[in-house]
Structures are given as C-alpha cells and as structure tokens.
C-alpha cells in the first residue's frame, strides 16, 4: 500500500519527515484516485452495455452502511491515533490488527 512507501520515505530521509504528515498528505490523492477509478468503471459499464444490478431499498442500504462503519473506523483509529500522539505508526498498525 502507499502508506508503506511513506514509512520508507520517512526512514530514508533520516526521520526528518513526519510519518503522520505523510499519511495525511496521502489521503486526498487516495480519495481522488478512488473516485477516478469509480468514474472510469461507470463509464466503461455504460459504454459496453453491462447489465445493471438490482436496486437496493433505502432501509437495506442504510443497514449496509452501518455495518461498514466498523471496518471504516480502522482509518480513523490509525490516523487519529498517530495525529493525536497516542501511538506511533507501528503501534497504530498493531492496534488496527487487533481492532
């Protein structure tokens, strides 16, 4: 993952570059890349006429989103813990695995 490269860059720079700052610098490009891939997939699907899936009712969609929050909290734990100074980047990986 890109976070691995951020840690290696920080170590190669002699520790003068904050790993937390590098993680935060990677959030926006990561979100933009994910959005770009989603748009590309939608474009390709329309262009090639792939069939659409079934429509999910709102109540079921909200239930799916609520279930996904547990997994999405991993990012909050990692970035929140590092930026607040509660634990280091290595410790945050351990906490995320336990979570």
C-alpha atoms as a PDB file:
ATOM      1  CA  UNK A   1       0.000   0.000   0.000  1.00  0.00           C
ATOM      2  CA  UNK A   2       1.060   3.623  -0.406  1.00  0.00           C
ATOM      3  CA  UNK A   3       1.450   4.014   3.368  1.00  0.00           C
ATOM      4  CA  UNK A   4       4.338   1.547   3.204  1.00  0.00           C
ATOM      5  CA  UNK A   5       6.135   3.881   0.819  1.00  0.00           C
ATOM      6  CA  UNK A   6       5.518   6.810   3.168  1.00  0.00           C
ATOM      7  CA  UNK A   7       7.177   4.990   6.060  1.00  0.00           C
ATOM      8  CA  UNK A   8      10.143   4.019   3.880  1.00  0.00           C
ATOM      9  CA  UNK A   9      10.480   7.603   2.639  1.00  0.00           C
ATOM     10  CA  UNK A  10      10.487   8.911   6.204  1.00  0.00           C
ATOM     11  CA  UNK A  11      13.182   6.421   7.194  1.00  0.00           C
ATOM     12  CA  UNK A  12      15.272   7.204   4.098  1.00  0.00           C
ATOM     13  CA  UNK A  13      15.052  10.919   4.895  1.00  0.00           C
ATOM     14  CA  UNK A  14      16.580  10.232   8.283  1.00  0.00           C
ATOM     15  CA  UNK A  15      13.341  10.607  10.202  1.00  0.00           C
ATOM     16  CA  UNK A  16      13.135  14.331   9.486  1.00  0.00           C
ATOM     17  CA  UNK A  17       9.794  13.898   7.706  1.00  0.00           C
ATOM     18  CA  UNK A  18       6.813  13.063   9.903  1.00  0.00           C
ATOM     19  CA  UNK A  19       5.045   9.815   9.070  1.00  0.00           C
ATOM     20  CA  UNK A  20       1.770  11.338  10.248  1.00  0.00           C
ATOM     21  CA  UNK A  21       2.214  14.242   7.848  1.00  0.00           C
ATOM     22  CA  UNK A  22       2.953  11.829   5.016  1.00  0.00           C
ATOM     23  CA  UNK A  23      -0.176   9.813   5.846  1.00  0.00           C
ATOM     24  CA  UNK A  24      -2.295  12.971   5.838  1.00  0.00           C
ATOM     25  CA  UNK A  25      -0.706  14.058   2.546  1.00  0.00           C
ATOM     26  CA  UNK A  26      -1.819  10.750   1.008  1.00  0.00           C
ATOM     27  CA  UNK A  27      -5.489  10.946   1.994  1.00  0.00           C
ATOM     28  CA  UNK A  28      -6.675  13.386  -0.678  1.00  0.00           C
ATOM     29  CA  UNK A  29      -4.762  11.747  -3.566  1.00  0.00           C
ATOM     30  CA  UNK A  30      -6.085   8.361  -2.427  1.00  0.00           C
ATOM     31  CA  UNK A  31      -9.668   9.601  -2.382  1.00  0.00           C
ATOM     32  CA  UNK A  32      -9.258  11.241  -5.789  1.00  0.00           C
ATOM     33  CA  UNK A  33      -7.769   8.064  -7.231  1.00  0.00           C
ATOM     34  CA  UNK A  34     -10.660   6.000  -5.860  1.00  0.00           C
ATOM     35  CA  UNK A  35     -13.191   8.444  -7.286  1.00  0.00           C
ATOM     36  CA  UNK A  36     -11.420   8.411 -10.658  1.00  0.00           C
ATOM     37  CA  UNK A  37     -11.497   4.614 -10.785  1.00  0.00           C
ATOM     38  CA  UNK A  38     -15.197   4.590  -9.890  1.00  0.00           C
ATOM     39  CA  UNK A  39     -15.980   7.095 -12.662  1.00  0.00           C
ATOM     40  CA  UNK A  40     -13.924   5.066 -15.142  1.00  0.00           C
ATOM     41  CA  UNK A  41     -15.763   1.857 -14.212  1.00  0.00           C
ATOM     42  CA  UNK A  42     -19.146   3.543 -14.608  1.00  0.00           C
ATOM     43  CA  UNK A  43     -18.114   4.960 -17.990  1.00  0.00           C
ATOM     44  CA  UNK A  44     -16.877   1.581 -19.236  1.00  0.00           C
ATOM     45  CA  UNK A  45     -20.029  -0.155 -17.994  1.00  0.00           C
ATOM     46  CA  UNK A  46     -22.273   2.284 -19.877  1.00  0.00           C
ATOM     47  CA  UNK A  47     -20.121   2.133 -22.992  1.00  0.00           C
ATOM     48  CA  UNK A  48     -20.157  -1.670 -23.179  1.00  0.00           C
ATOM     49  CA  UNK A  49     -23.768  -2.017 -22.034  1.00  0.00           C
ATOM     50  CA  UNK A  50     -23.118  -4.155 -18.961  1.00  0.00           C
ATOM     51  CA  UNK A  51     -26.335  -5.084 -17.130  1.00  0.00           C
ATOM     52  CA  UNK A  52     -27.349  -3.114 -14.074  1.00  0.00           C
ATOM     53  CA  UNK A  53     -27.714  -4.754 -10.705  1.00  0.00           C
ATOM     54  CA  UNK A  54     -30.846  -4.778  -8.625  1.00  0.00           C
ATOM     55  CA  UNK A  55     -31.952  -1.628  -6.836  1.00  0.00           C
ATOM     56  CA  UNK A  56     -31.310  -1.779  -3.086  1.00  0.00           C
ATOM     57  CA  UNK A  57     -34.063  -0.333  -0.884  1.00  0.00           C
ATOM     58  CA  UNK A  58     -33.071   2.643   1.283  1.00  0.00           C
ATOM     59  CA  UNK A  59     -33.551   0.758   4.542  1.00  0.00           C
ATOM     60  CA  UNK A  60     -31.234  -2.047   3.409  1.00  0.00           C
ATOM     61  CA  UNK A  61     -28.685   0.475   2.082  1.00  0.00           C
ATOM     62  CA  UNK A  62     -28.596   2.207   5.473  1.00  0.00           C
ATOM     63  CA  UNK A  63     -28.118  -1.164   7.177  1.00  0.00           C
ATOM     64  CA  UNK A  64     -25.194  -1.970   4.847  1.00  0.00           C
ATOM     65  CA  UNK A  65     -23.610   1.426   5.570  1.00  0.00           C
ATOM     66  CA  UNK A  66     -23.983   0.903   9.318  1.00  0.00           C
ATOM     67  CA  UNK A  67     -22.279  -2.494   9.064  1.00  0.00           C
ATOM     68  CA  UNK A  68     -19.428  -0.974   7.024  1.00  0.00           C
ATOM     69  CA  UNK A  69     -18.697   1.662   9.674  1.00  0.00           C
ATOM     70  CA  UNK A  70     -16.876  -0.901  11.830  1.00  0.00           C
ATOM     71  CA  UNK A  71     -14.345  -1.514   9.066  1.00  0.00           C
ATOM     72  CA  UNK A  72     -14.084   2.173   8.170  1.00  0.00           C
ATOM     73  CA  UNK A  73     -13.221   3.007  11.766  1.00  0.00           C
ATOM     74  CA  UNK A  74      -9.813   1.421  11.142  1.00  0.00           C
ATOM     75  CA  UNK A  75      -8.714   4.502   9.197  1.00  0.00           C
ATOM     76  CA  UNK A  76      -9.971   6.771  11.979  1.00  0.00           C
ATOM     77  CA  UNK A  77      -8.079   4.738  14.576  1.00  0.00           C
ATOM     78  CA  UNK A  78      -4.829   4.797  12.593  1.00  0.00           C
ATOM     79  CA  UNK A  79      -4.850   8.468  11.590  1.00  0.00           C
ATOM     80  CA  UNK A  80      -6.468   9.681  14.803  1.00  0.00           C
ATOM     81  CA  UNK A  81      -4.018   7.798  16.984  1.00  0.00           C
ATOM     82  CA  UNK A  82      -0.969   8.974  15.075  1.00  0.00           C
ATOM     83  CA  UNK A  83      -2.063  12.611  14.749  1.00  0.00           C
ATOM     84  CA  UNK A  84      -3.140  12.863  18.382  1.00  0.00           C
ATOM     85  CA  UNK A  85       0.154  11.371  19.534  1.00  0.00           C
ATOM     86  CA  UNK A  86      -1.439   8.433  21.330  1.00  0.00           C
ATOM     87  CA  UNK A  87       0.719   5.930  19.462  1.00  0.00           C
ATOM     88  CA  UNK A  88       3.325   5.708  16.709  1.00  0.00           C
ATOM     89  CA  UNK A  89       2.829   4.440  13.162  1.00  0.00           C
ATOM     90  CA  UNK A  90       3.993   0.948  14.108  1.00  0.00           C
ATOM     91  CA  UNK A  91       1.777   0.837  17.171  1.00  0.00           C
ATOM     92  CA  UNK A  92      -1.188   2.034  15.103  1.00  0.00           C
ATOM     93  CA  UNK A  93      -0.747  -0.952  12.787  1.00  0.00           C
ATOM     94  CA  UNK A  94      -0.891  -3.276  15.787  1.00  0.00           C
ATOM     95  CA  UNK A  95      -3.985  -1.552  17.152  1.00  0.00           C
ATOM     96  CA  UNK A  96      -5.661  -1.765  13.733  1.00  0.00           C
ATOM     97  CA  UNK A  97      -4.962  -5.513  13.539  1.00  0.00           C
ATOM     98  CA  UNK A  98      -6.478  -6.036  16.974  1.00  0.00           C
ATOM     99  CA  UNK A  99      -9.485  -3.891  16.010  1.00  0.00           C
END
